[in-house]
Amino acid sequence: DTWGAHNANALISLSQISETLCILLIPFCLKRFGIKGVMLMSMFAWVLRFGFFGIGDTGNGLWLLILSCIVYGVAFDFFNVSGGLYVDKETTSDLRSSAQGLFMMMTNGLGATIGTLCAQAVVNHFVFSQTTAEAQHQGWITSWMIFAGYALVVAVLFMFIFKDDSKKASPQMEEAVIDGNGSAADGMVND
């Protein structure tokens, strides 16, 4: 019976506002930190988002849920937009649309489906199999921490495995984000 529990849509709106504002940061971050740095920021933002969900609550921990909503903009935008721009930069014009389609299918199609099914299994095991409200609450905390741990493992693996010859954003990447050529806001550039 807290403000946070009765105003979930207000919290969700914070995520949407954050997402909208974080798009504006992408060209500056790409120029300063390069694609690998921006992608790592997004992955560590997912770790924070899930971790904040795990330790926050709608009462005294509401501020952690608010932080989670604010971090969402970096987590979502920095991955999807910069990933799409990287695919655009690394492919020739004859393969670009196919490569962008593959990127979107792997992240928002196949990846999202597998992720949803795995998350469902975790939540079913730790939350919905419990019989008391206290056990279900603890199950949610455990589930969010599992998701944060998974995101951390992916980020660390990415840090060591991903190699990018150019440390900074190419002029084409900056121009695509700044000028909005095609529909660059979602990572896709139309020829």
N, C-alpha and C. Protein backbone atom coordinates (compact mmCIF):
# COMPACT_ATOMS: atom_id res chain seq x y z
N ASP A 1 0.83 -1.19 0.00
CA ASP A 1 0.00 0.00 0.00
C ASP A 1 0.88 1.26 0.00
N THR A 2 1.80 1.34 -0.93
CA THR A 2 2.72 2.48 -1.02
C THR A 2 2.47 3.27 -2.30
N TRP A 3 3.03 4.47 -2.34
CA TRP A 3 2.89 5.30 -3.53
C TRP A 3 3.47 4.58 -4.74
N GLY A 4 4.62 3.95 -4.58
CA GLY A 4 5.26 3.26 -5.69
C GLY A 4 4.43 2.12 -6.25
N ALA A 5 3.75 1.40 -5.35
CA ALA A 5 2.91 0.28 -5.80
C ALA A 5 1.67 0.77 -6.54
N HIS A 6 1.16 1.92 -6.16
CA HIS A 6 -0.06 2.44 -6.78
C HIS A 6 0.20 3.32 -7.99
N ASN A 7 1.46 3.61 -8.27
CA ASN A 7 1.80 4.50 -9.39
C ASN A 7 2.88 3.90 -10.29
N ALA A 8 2.70 2.65 -10.63
CA ALA A 8 3.68 1.96 -11.48
C ALA A 8 3.82 2.65 -12.83
N ASN A 9 2.73 3.19 -13.37
CA ASN A 9 2.83 3.86 -14.67
C ASN A 9 3.71 5.10 -14.62
N ALA A 10 3.72 5.78 -13.49
CA ALA A 10 4.62 6.94 -13.34
C ALA A 10 6.07 6.48 -13.39
N LEU A 11 6.36 5.36 -12.75
CA LEU A 11 7.72 4.82 -12.78
C LEU A 11 8.11 4.40 -14.19
N ILE A 12 7.19 3.76 -14.89
CA ILE A 12 7.46 3.33 -16.27
C ILE A 12 7.72 4.55 -17.15
N SER A 13 7.00 5.64 -16.90
CA SER A 13 7.20 6.87 -17.68
C SER A 13 8.61 7.41 -17.50
N LEU A 14 9.19 7.24 -16.31
CA LEU A 14 10.58 7.65 -16.11
C LEU A 14 11.52 6.91 -17.05
N SER A 15 11.26 5.63 -17.26
CA SER A 15 12.08 4.84 -18.19
C SER A 15 11.95 5.39 -19.61
N GLN A 16 10.74 5.76 -20.00
CA GLN A 16 10.53 6.28 -21.34
C GLN A 16 11.20 7.64 -21.52
N ILE A 17 11.12 8.49 -20.49
CA ILE A 17 11.79 9.79 -20.56
C ILE A 17 13.29 9.60 -20.63
N SER A 18 13.82 8.70 -19.83
CA SER A 18 15.25 8.42 -19.84
C SER A 18 15.70 7.92 -21.21
N GLU A 19 14.92 7.04 -21.78
CA GLU A 19 15.25 6.51 -23.11
C GLU A 19 15.30 7.63 -24.14
N THR A 20 14.34 8.52 -24.08
CA THR A 20 14.28 9.64 -25.03
C THR A 20 15.49 10.56 -24.87
N LEU A 21 15.85 10.88 -23.64
CA LEU A 21 16.96 11.79 -23.40
C LEU A 21 18.32 11.15 -23.67
N CYS A 22 18.44 9.86 -23.41
CA CYS A 22 19.74 9.20 -23.60
C CYS A 22 20.13 9.07 -25.06
N ILE A 23 19.17 9.10 -25.95
CA ILE A 23 19.50 9.08 -27.39
C ILE A 23 20.39 10.28 -27.72
N LEU A 24 20.15 11.39 -27.05
CA LEU A 24 20.94 12.59 -27.31
C LEU A 24 22.40 12.46 -26.87
N LEU A 25 22.67 11.55 -25.94
CA LEU A 25 24.03 11.36 -25.44
C LEU A 25 24.90 10.49 -26.35
N ILE A 26 24.27 9.72 -27.21
CA ILE A 26 25.00 8.72 -27.99
C ILE A 26 26.12 9.31 -28.85
N PRO A 27 25.89 10.38 -29.62
CA PRO A 27 27.00 10.87 -30.45
C PRO A 27 28.20 11.34 -29.63
N PHE A 28 27.96 11.95 -28.48
CA PHE A 28 29.05 12.43 -27.64
C PHE A 28 29.81 11.26 -27.01
N CYS A 29 29.06 10.27 -26.57
CA CYS A 29 29.70 9.10 -25.96
C CYS A 29 30.47 8.28 -26.99
N LEU A 30 29.92 8.14 -28.19
CA LEU A 30 30.63 7.42 -29.24
C LEU A 30 31.94 8.13 -29.58
N LYS A 31 31.90 9.44 -29.65
CA LYS A 31 33.10 10.20 -29.99
C LYS A 31 34.15 10.07 -28.89
N ARG A 32 33.72 10.10 -27.65
CA ARG A 32 34.67 10.09 -26.54
C ARG A 32 35.15 8.69 -26.17
N PHE A 33 34.23 7.69 -26.18
CA PHE A 33 34.57 6.36 -25.67
C PHE A 33 34.64 5.27 -26.73
N GLY A 34 34.19 5.54 -27.94
CA GLY A 34 34.20 4.54 -29.00
C GLY A 34 33.08 3.53 -28.83
N ILE A 35 32.93 2.68 -29.81
CA ILE A 35 31.82 1.72 -29.81
C ILE A 35 31.92 0.73 -28.67
N LYS A 36 33.10 0.24 -28.39
CA LYS A 36 33.25 -0.74 -27.32
C LYS A 36 32.89 -0.12 -25.96
N GLY A 37 33.34 1.09 -25.72
CA GLY A 37 33.01 1.77 -24.47
C GLY A 37 31.51 2.00 -24.31
N VAL A 38 30.86 2.41 -25.39
CA VAL A 38 29.42 2.66 -25.33
C VAL A 38 28.65 1.36 -25.11
N MET A 39 29.07 0.31 -25.79
CA MET A 39 28.40 -0.98 -25.61
C MET A 39 28.61 -1.49 -24.18
N LEU A 40 29.80 -1.31 -23.64
CA LEU A 40 30.06 -1.72 -22.25
C LEU A 40 29.21 -0.90 -21.27
N MET A 41 29.07 0.38 -21.54
CA MET A 41 28.21 1.20 -20.69
C MET A 41 26.79 0.63 -20.67
N SER A 42 26.31 0.24 -21.84
CA SER A 42 24.95 -0.30 -21.91
C SER A 42 24.84 -1.61 -21.14
N MET A 43 25.84 -2.45 -21.26
CA MET A 43 25.79 -3.75 -20.58
C MET A 43 25.87 -3.59 -19.06
N PHE A 44 26.74 -2.70 -18.60
CA PHE A 44 26.82 -2.47 -17.16
C PHE A 44 25.57 -1.74 -16.65
N ALA A 45 24.94 -0.96 -17.53
CA ALA A 45 23.67 -0.32 -17.15
C ALA A 45 22.60 -1.39 -16.92
N TRP A 46 22.61 -2.47 -17.73
CA TRP A 46 21.66 -3.56 -17.49
C TRP A 46 21.94 -4.22 -16.14
N VAL A 47 23.20 -4.38 -15.80
CA VAL A 47 23.55 -4.95 -14.49
C VAL A 47 22.95 -4.09 -13.39
N LEU A 48 23.16 -2.78 -13.49
CA LEU A 48 22.61 -1.87 -12.48
C LEU A 48 21.09 -1.90 -12.45
N ARG A 49 20.48 -1.90 -13.63
CA ARG A 49 19.01 -1.89 -13.70
C ARG A 49 18.44 -3.10 -12.96
N PHE A 50 18.94 -4.29 -13.29
CA PHE A 50 18.43 -5.50 -12.65
C PHE A 50 18.77 -5.53 -11.16
N GLY A 51 19.99 -5.09 -10.82
CA GLY A 51 20.39 -5.06 -9.42
C GLY A 51 19.52 -4.10 -8.61
N PHE A 52 19.23 -2.93 -9.17
CA PHE A 52 18.36 -1.97 -8.47
C PHE A 52 16.96 -2.54 -8.29
N PHE A 53 16.47 -3.25 -9.30
CA PHE A 53 15.17 -3.92 -9.14
C PHE A 53 15.21 -4.94 -8.01
N GLY A 54 16.33 -5.65 -7.91
CA GLY A 54 16.45 -6.69 -6.89
C GLY A 54 16.49 -6.15 -5.48
N ILE A 55 17.18 -5.03 -5.27
CA ILE A 55 17.30 -4.53 -3.90
C ILE A 55 16.30 -3.42 -3.59
N GLY A 56 15.61 -2.90 -4.61
CA GLY A 56 14.62 -1.86 -4.38
C GLY A 56 13.26 -2.43 -4.03
N ASP A 57 12.38 -1.55 -3.61
CA ASP A 57 10.98 -1.93 -3.38
C ASP A 57 10.13 -0.68 -3.51
N THR A 58 8.83 -0.84 -3.42
CA THR A 58 7.93 0.29 -3.65
C THR A 58 7.75 1.17 -2.42
N GLY A 59 8.40 0.81 -1.31
CA GLY A 59 8.33 1.63 -0.09
C GLY A 59 9.60 2.42 0.09
N ASN A 60 10.40 2.05 1.08
CA ASN A 60 11.65 2.77 1.38
C ASN A 60 12.69 2.63 0.27
N GLY A 61 12.59 1.59 -0.53
CA GLY A 61 13.54 1.37 -1.62
C GLY A 61 13.07 1.92 -2.95
N LEU A 62 12.08 2.82 -2.91
CA LEU A 62 11.54 3.39 -4.15
C LEU A 62 12.62 4.11 -4.94
N TRP A 63 13.54 4.76 -4.25
CA TRP A 63 14.60 5.50 -4.94
C TRP A 63 15.44 4.58 -5.81
N LEU A 64 15.59 3.31 -5.41
CA LEU A 64 16.34 2.35 -6.23
C LEU A 64 15.55 1.98 -7.49
N LEU A 65 14.24 1.88 -7.37
CA LEU A 65 13.42 1.63 -8.56
C LEU A 65 13.48 2.82 -9.51
N ILE A 66 13.50 4.03 -8.95
CA ILE A 66 13.62 5.23 -9.78
C ILE A 66 14.97 5.24 -10.49
N LEU A 67 16.05 4.92 -9.78
CA LEU A 67 17.37 4.82 -10.43
C LEU A 67 17.36 3.78 -11.54
N SER A 68 16.68 2.66 -11.30
CA SER A 68 16.59 1.63 -12.31
C SER A 68 15.91 2.15 -13.58
N CYS A 69 14.88 2.95 -13.38
CA CYS A 69 14.17 3.52 -14.53
C CYS A 69 15.04 4.53 -15.27
N ILE A 70 15.84 5.28 -14.56
CA ILE A 70 16.73 6.27 -15.18
C ILE A 70 17.85 5.57 -15.96
N VAL A 71 18.40 4.52 -15.39
CA VAL A 71 19.48 3.76 -16.03
C VAL A 71 19.01 3.07 -17.30
N TYR A 72 17.72 2.81 -17.41
CA TYR A 72 17.17 2.10 -18.56
C TYR A 72 17.52 2.78 -19.88
N GLY A 73 17.52 4.11 -19.91
CA GLY A 73 17.83 4.82 -21.15
C GLY A 73 19.20 4.46 -21.68
N VAL A 74 20.18 4.41 -20.80
CA VAL A 74 21.53 4.03 -21.22
C VAL A 74 21.55 2.56 -21.63
N ALA A 75 20.91 1.72 -20.85
CA ALA A 75 20.91 0.28 -21.12
C ALA A 75 20.32 -0.02 -22.50
N PHE A 76 19.17 0.53 -22.78
CA PHE A 76 18.47 0.22 -24.03
C PHE A 76 19.06 0.96 -25.22
N ASP A 77 19.13 2.28 -25.12
CA ASP A 77 19.56 3.09 -26.27
C ASP A 77 21.00 2.82 -26.67
N PHE A 78 21.89 2.79 -25.70
CA PHE A 78 23.29 2.64 -26.04
C PHE A 78 23.56 1.32 -26.73
N PHE A 79 22.83 0.27 -26.36
CA PHE A 79 23.03 -1.02 -27.02
C PHE A 79 22.41 -1.03 -28.41
N ASN A 80 21.13 -0.71 -28.50
CA ASN A 80 20.43 -0.85 -29.77
C ASN A 80 20.90 0.14 -30.83
N VAL A 81 21.01 1.40 -30.46
CA VAL A 81 21.39 2.41 -31.45
C VAL A 81 22.85 2.26 -31.86
N SER A 82 23.75 2.17 -30.88
CA SER A 82 25.16 2.07 -31.26
C SER A 82 25.45 0.73 -31.94
N GLY A 83 24.76 -0.33 -31.54
CA GLY A 83 24.93 -1.62 -32.21
C GLY A 83 24.53 -1.54 -33.67
N GLY A 84 23.39 -0.90 -33.93
CA GLY A 84 22.95 -0.71 -35.31
C GLY A 84 23.91 0.15 -36.12
N LEU A 85 24.43 1.19 -35.48
CA LEU A 85 25.40 2.04 -36.17
C LEU A 85 26.70 1.31 -36.45
N TYR A 86 27.11 0.45 -35.53
CA TYR A 86 28.34 -0.33 -35.73
C TYR A 86 28.16 -1.29 -36.91
N VAL A 87 27.03 -1.94 -36.97
CA VAL A 87 26.74 -2.84 -38.09
C VAL A 87 26.79 -2.06 -39.39
N ASP A 88 26.21 -0.87 -39.38
CA ASP A 88 26.21 -0.03 -40.57
C ASP A 88 27.63 0.34 -40.99
N LYS A 89 28.46 0.68 -40.01
CA LYS A 89 29.84 1.10 -40.30
C LYS A 89 30.69 -0.05 -40.83
N GLU A 90 30.46 -1.25 -40.33
CA GLU A 90 31.32 -2.39 -40.66
C GLU A 90 30.90 -3.16 -41.91
N THR A 91 29.78 -2.83 -42.52
CA THR A 91 29.33 -3.58 -43.69
C THR A 91 29.34 -2.70 -44.93
N THR A 92 29.46 -3.35 -46.07
CA THR A 92 29.39 -2.63 -47.34
C THR A 92 27.92 -2.38 -47.67
N SER A 93 27.69 -1.44 -48.56
CA SER A 93 26.32 -1.04 -48.86
C SER A 93 25.48 -2.18 -49.43
N ASP A 94 26.10 -3.14 -50.13
CA ASP A 94 25.33 -4.24 -50.70
C ASP A 94 24.87 -5.25 -49.64
N LEU A 95 25.54 -5.28 -48.47
CA LEU A 95 25.15 -6.20 -47.39
C LEU A 95 24.49 -5.51 -46.21
N ARG A 96 24.47 -4.19 -46.23
CA ARG A 96 24.05 -3.41 -45.07
C ARG A 96 22.63 -3.75 -44.59
N SER A 97 21.68 -3.78 -45.47
CA SER A 97 20.30 -4.04 -45.03
C SER A 97 20.16 -5.46 -44.48
N SER A 98 20.84 -6.42 -45.09
CA SER A 98 20.81 -7.80 -44.57
C SER A 98 21.47 -7.88 -43.20
N ALA A 99 22.60 -7.19 -43.04
CA ALA A 99 23.30 -7.20 -41.75
C ALA A 99 22.47 -6.52 -40.67
N GLN A 100 21.82 -5.41 -41.00
CA GLN A 100 20.97 -4.74 -40.03
C GLN A 100 19.77 -5.61 -39.66
N GLY A 101 19.22 -6.28 -40.65
CA GLY A 101 18.11 -7.20 -40.38
C GLY A 101 18.54 -8.34 -39.47
N LEU A 102 19.73 -8.88 -39.71
CA LEU A 102 20.26 -9.95 -38.87
C LEU A 102 20.49 -9.46 -37.44
N PHE A 103 21.05 -8.26 -37.29
CA PHE A 103 21.27 -7.67 -35.97
C PHE A 103 19.94 -7.54 -35.22
N MET A 104 18.94 -7.00 -35.88
CA MET A 104 17.64 -6.82 -35.23
C MET A 104 16.99 -8.17 -34.91
N MET A 105 17.11 -9.13 -35.81
CA MET A 105 16.53 -10.45 -35.56
C MET A 105 17.21 -11.13 -34.38
N MET A 106 18.53 -11.02 -34.30
CA MET A 106 19.26 -11.68 -33.22
C MET A 106 19.01 -11.01 -31.87
N THR A 107 18.91 -9.68 -31.84
CA THR A 107 18.72 -9.00 -30.57
C THR A 107 17.26 -8.92 -30.16
N ASN A 108 16.41 -8.49 -31.04
CA ASN A 108 15.00 -8.27 -30.70
C ASN A 108 14.08 -9.41 -31.10
N GLY A 109 14.61 -10.37 -31.81
CA GLY A 109 13.81 -11.52 -32.22
C GLY A 109 14.23 -12.76 -31.47
N LEU A 110 15.24 -13.44 -31.99
CA LEU A 110 15.72 -14.68 -31.39
C LEU A 110 16.26 -14.45 -29.97
N GLY A 111 17.09 -13.43 -29.80
CA GLY A 111 17.65 -13.15 -28.48
C GLY A 111 16.58 -12.81 -27.46
N ALA A 112 15.62 -11.98 -27.85
CA ALA A 112 14.53 -11.62 -26.93
C ALA A 112 13.67 -12.83 -26.60
N THR A 113 13.43 -13.69 -27.57
CA THR A 113 12.61 -14.89 -27.32
C THR A 113 13.31 -15.84 -26.37
N ILE A 114 14.58 -16.12 -26.62
CA ILE A 114 15.33 -17.02 -25.74
C ILE A 114 15.44 -16.40 -24.34
N GLY A 115 15.73 -15.10 -24.28
CA GLY A 115 15.81 -14.42 -23.00
C GLY A 115 14.52 -14.47 -22.22
N THR A 116 13.40 -14.28 -22.91
CA THR A 116 12.09 -14.33 -22.26
C THR A 116 11.80 -15.73 -21.73
N LEU A 117 12.10 -16.74 -22.50
CA LEU A 117 11.85 -18.11 -22.05
C LEU A 117 12.73 -18.49 -20.85
N CYS A 118 13.99 -18.05 -20.89
CA CYS A 118 14.88 -18.32 -19.75
C CYS A 118 14.43 -17.55 -18.51
N ALA A 119 14.04 -16.28 -18.70
CA ALA A 119 13.55 -15.48 -17.57
C ALA A 119 12.27 -16.10 -17.00
N GLN A 120 11.42 -16.60 -17.87
CA GLN A 120 10.19 -17.26 -17.43
C GLN A 120 10.52 -18.47 -16.54
N ALA A 121 11.49 -19.25 -16.95
CA ALA A 121 11.88 -20.42 -16.16
C ALA A 121 12.42 -20.00 -14.79
N VAL A 122 13.23 -18.95 -14.76
CA VAL A 122 13.78 -18.47 -13.49
C VAL A 122 12.67 -17.96 -12.58
N VAL A 123 11.79 -17.14 -13.12
CA VAL A 123 10.69 -16.57 -12.31
C VAL A 123 9.73 -17.66 -11.86
N ASN A 124 9.41 -18.58 -12.74
CA ASN A 124 8.53 -19.68 -12.33
C ASN A 124 9.13 -20.48 -11.18
N HIS A 125 10.44 -20.73 -11.27
CA HIS A 125 11.11 -21.53 -10.24
C HIS A 125 11.21 -20.79 -8.90
N PHE A 126 11.64 -19.54 -8.95
CA PHE A 126 11.92 -18.82 -7.71
C PHE A 126 10.74 -18.04 -7.15
N VAL A 127 9.75 -17.70 -8.01
CA VAL A 127 8.63 -16.87 -7.55
C VAL A 127 7.32 -17.65 -7.52
N PHE A 128 6.88 -18.09 -8.66
CA PHE A 128 5.53 -18.65 -8.75
C PHE A 128 5.40 -20.05 -8.18
N SER A 129 6.50 -20.69 -7.89
CA SER A 129 6.42 -22.00 -7.24
C SER A 129 6.29 -21.85 -5.72
N GLN A 130 6.46 -20.63 -5.22
CA GLN A 130 6.40 -20.38 -3.78
C GLN A 130 4.94 -20.22 -3.33
N THR A 131 4.68 -20.56 -2.09
CA THR A 131 3.29 -20.54 -1.60
C THR A 131 2.97 -19.35 -0.70
N THR A 132 3.99 -18.68 -0.16
CA THR A 132 3.72 -17.54 0.70
C THR A 132 4.18 -16.25 0.03
N ALA A 133 3.59 -15.14 0.43
CA ALA A 133 3.96 -13.84 -0.13
C ALA A 133 5.41 -13.51 0.18
N GLU A 134 5.88 -13.85 1.36
CA GLU A 134 7.27 -13.57 1.74
C GLU A 134 8.24 -14.36 0.86
N ALA A 135 7.91 -15.62 0.62
CA ALA A 135 8.77 -16.45 -0.22
C ALA A 135 8.76 -15.95 -1.67
N GLN A 136 7.60 -15.49 -2.14
CA GLN A 136 7.54 -14.93 -3.49
C GLN A 136 8.35 -13.65 -3.59
N HIS A 137 8.28 -12.81 -2.57
CA HIS A 137 9.08 -11.59 -2.56
C HIS A 137 10.57 -11.91 -2.61
N GLN A 138 10.99 -12.85 -1.81
CA GLN A 138 12.39 -13.27 -1.83
C GLN A 138 12.76 -13.88 -3.18
N GLY A 139 11.81 -14.57 -3.79
CA GLY A 139 12.03 -15.14 -5.13
C GLY A 139 12.25 -14.06 -6.18
N TRP A 140 11.53 -12.95 -6.05
CA TRP A 140 11.76 -11.83 -6.98
C TRP A 140 13.16 -11.26 -6.81
N ILE A 141 13.57 -11.09 -5.56
CA ILE A 141 14.93 -10.58 -5.31
C ILE A 141 15.96 -11.51 -5.93
N THR A 142 15.79 -12.81 -5.71
CA THR A 142 16.71 -13.79 -6.27
C THR A 142 16.71 -13.74 -7.80
N SER A 143 15.53 -13.65 -8.39
CA SER A 143 15.41 -13.61 -9.85
C SER A 143 16.14 -12.39 -10.42
N TRP A 144 15.91 -11.21 -9.83
CA TRP A 144 16.56 -10.01 -10.34
C TRP A 144 18.07 -10.09 -10.20
N MET A 145 18.54 -10.70 -9.12
CA MET A 145 19.99 -10.84 -8.93
C MET A 145 20.60 -11.84 -9.92
N ILE A 146 19.84 -12.86 -10.27
CA ILE A 146 20.29 -13.80 -11.32
C ILE A 146 20.41 -13.06 -12.64
N PHE A 147 19.43 -12.23 -12.96
CA PHE A 147 19.47 -11.46 -14.21
C PHE A 147 20.65 -10.48 -14.20
N ALA A 148 20.90 -9.83 -13.06
CA ALA A 148 22.03 -8.91 -12.95
C ALA A 148 23.34 -9.66 -13.11
N GLY A 149 23.45 -10.83 -12.49
CA GLY A 149 24.66 -11.64 -12.61
C GLY A 149 24.90 -12.08 -14.04
N TYR A 150 23.84 -12.48 -14.73
CA TYR A 150 23.96 -12.88 -16.13
C TYR A 150 24.46 -11.71 -16.98
N ALA A 151 23.86 -10.53 -16.77
CA ALA A 151 24.28 -9.35 -17.53
C ALA A 151 25.74 -9.01 -17.24
N LEU A 152 26.17 -9.20 -16.00
CA LEU A 152 27.56 -8.94 -15.64
C LEU A 152 28.51 -9.90 -16.36
N VAL A 153 28.15 -11.16 -16.41
CA VAL A 153 28.98 -12.15 -17.11
C VAL A 153 29.08 -11.80 -18.59
N VAL A 154 27.97 -11.42 -19.21
CA VAL A 154 27.98 -11.04 -20.62
C VAL A 154 28.87 -9.82 -20.83
N ALA A 155 28.76 -8.83 -19.95
CA ALA A 155 29.57 -7.61 -20.08
C ALA A 155 31.06 -7.92 -19.96
N VAL A 156 31.43 -8.75 -19.01
CA VAL A 156 32.85 -9.09 -18.82
C VAL A 156 33.37 -9.89 -20.03
N LEU A 157 32.58 -10.83 -20.52
CA LEU A 157 32.98 -11.58 -21.71
C LEU A 157 33.15 -10.65 -22.90
N PHE A 158 32.19 -9.74 -23.08
CA PHE A 158 32.27 -8.77 -24.18
C PHE A 158 33.54 -7.93 -24.07
N MET A 159 33.88 -7.53 -22.85
CA MET A 159 35.05 -6.69 -22.62
C MET A 159 36.32 -7.37 -23.14
N PHE A 160 36.41 -8.68 -22.95
CA PHE A 160 37.62 -9.39 -23.35
C PHE A 160 37.56 -9.95 -24.77
N ILE A 161 36.39 -10.22 -25.28
CA ILE A 161 36.27 -10.85 -26.59
C ILE A 161 36.15 -9.85 -27.73
N PHE A 162 35.38 -8.77 -27.54
CA PHE A 162 35.12 -7.82 -28.63
C PHE A 162 36.36 -6.99 -28.93
N LYS A 163 36.74 -6.98 -30.18
CA LYS A 163 37.87 -6.18 -30.64
C LYS A 163 37.36 -5.19 -31.68
N ASP A 164 37.73 -3.94 -31.51
CA ASP A 164 37.37 -2.91 -32.48
C ASP A 164 38.62 -2.11 -32.79
N ASP A 165 38.98 -2.06 -34.06
CA ASP A 165 40.20 -1.38 -34.47
C ASP A 165 40.10 0.13 -34.25
N SER A 166 38.92 0.68 -34.47
CA SER A 166 38.76 2.12 -34.29
C SER A 166 38.25 2.39 -32.88
N LYS A 167 39.00 3.14 -32.11
CA LYS A 167 38.65 3.41 -30.71
C LYS A 167 37.56 4.47 -30.59
N LYS A 168 37.45 5.30 -31.58
CA LYS A 168 36.46 6.38 -31.55
C LYS A 168 35.45 6.17 -32.67
N ALA A 169 34.33 6.86 -32.56
CA ALA A 169 33.29 6.74 -33.57
C ALA A 169 33.77 7.32 -34.89
N SER A 170 33.35 6.68 -35.97
CA SER A 170 33.69 7.20 -37.28
C SER A 170 32.83 8.43 -37.56
N PRO A 171 33.25 9.30 -38.48
CA PRO A 171 32.42 10.46 -38.83
C PRO A 171 31.04 10.05 -39.33
N GLN A 172 30.95 8.89 -40.02
CA GLN A 172 29.66 8.42 -40.51
C GLN A 172 28.72 8.08 -39.35
N MET A 173 29.26 7.48 -38.30
CA MET A 173 28.43 7.13 -37.14
C MET A 173 27.92 8.38 -36.45
N GLU A 174 28.81 9.36 -36.26
CA GLU A 174 28.40 10.60 -35.61
C GLU A 174 27.36 11.32 -36.44
N GLU A 175 27.59 11.37 -37.76
CA GLU A 175 26.67 12.07 -38.64
C GLU A 175 25.30 11.39 -38.65
N ALA A 176 25.28 10.07 -38.65
CA ALA A 176 24.02 9.35 -38.67
C ALA A 176 23.20 9.64 -37.43
N VAL A 177 23.84 9.74 -36.27
CA VAL A 177 23.12 10.01 -35.04
C VAL A 177 22.72 11.47 -34.96
N ILE A 178 23.66 12.38 -35.28
CA ILE A 178 23.40 13.81 -35.11
C ILE A 178 22.39 14.30 -36.13
N ASP A 179 22.61 13.97 -37.42
CA ASP A 179 21.76 14.49 -38.47
C ASP A 179 20.47 13.71 -38.63
N GLY A 180 20.41 12.49 -38.14
CA GLY A 180 19.20 11.69 -38.27
C GLY A 180 18.98 11.17 -39.67
N ASN A 181 20.07 10.91 -40.43
CA ASN A 181 19.91 10.36 -41.76
C ASN A 181 19.12 9.07 -41.72
N GLY A 182 18.24 8.89 -42.65
CA GLY A 182 17.40 7.68 -42.64
C GLY A 182 16.61 7.68 -41.36
N SER A 183 16.69 6.59 -40.63
CA SER A 183 16.04 6.52 -39.32
C SER A 183 17.07 6.06 -38.30
N ALA A 184 18.15 6.83 -38.20
CA ALA A 184 19.29 6.44 -37.38
C ALA A 184 18.97 6.34 -35.90
N ALA A 185 17.89 6.95 -35.45
CA ALA A 185 17.57 6.90 -34.03
C ALA A 185 17.35 5.47 -33.56
N ASP A 186 16.94 4.59 -34.46
CA ASP A 186 16.77 3.20 -34.05
C ASP A 186 17.92 2.33 -34.54
N GLY A 187 19.00 2.97 -35.02
CA GLY A 187 20.17 2.21 -35.41
C GLY A 187 20.18 1.80 -36.87
N MET A 188 19.13 2.10 -37.60
CA MET A 188 19.05 1.69 -38.99
C MET A 188 19.30 2.89 -39.89
N VAL A 189 20.06 2.69 -40.93
CA VAL A 189 20.34 3.75 -41.88
C VAL A 189 19.88 3.26 -43.24
N ASN A 190 19.02 4.06 -43.86
CA ASN A 190 18.49 3.69 -45.16
C ASN A 190 19.37 4.23 -46.25
N ASP A 191 19.66 3.41 -47.27
CA ASP A 191 20.42 3.88 -48.43
C ASP A 191 19.49 4.40 -49.49
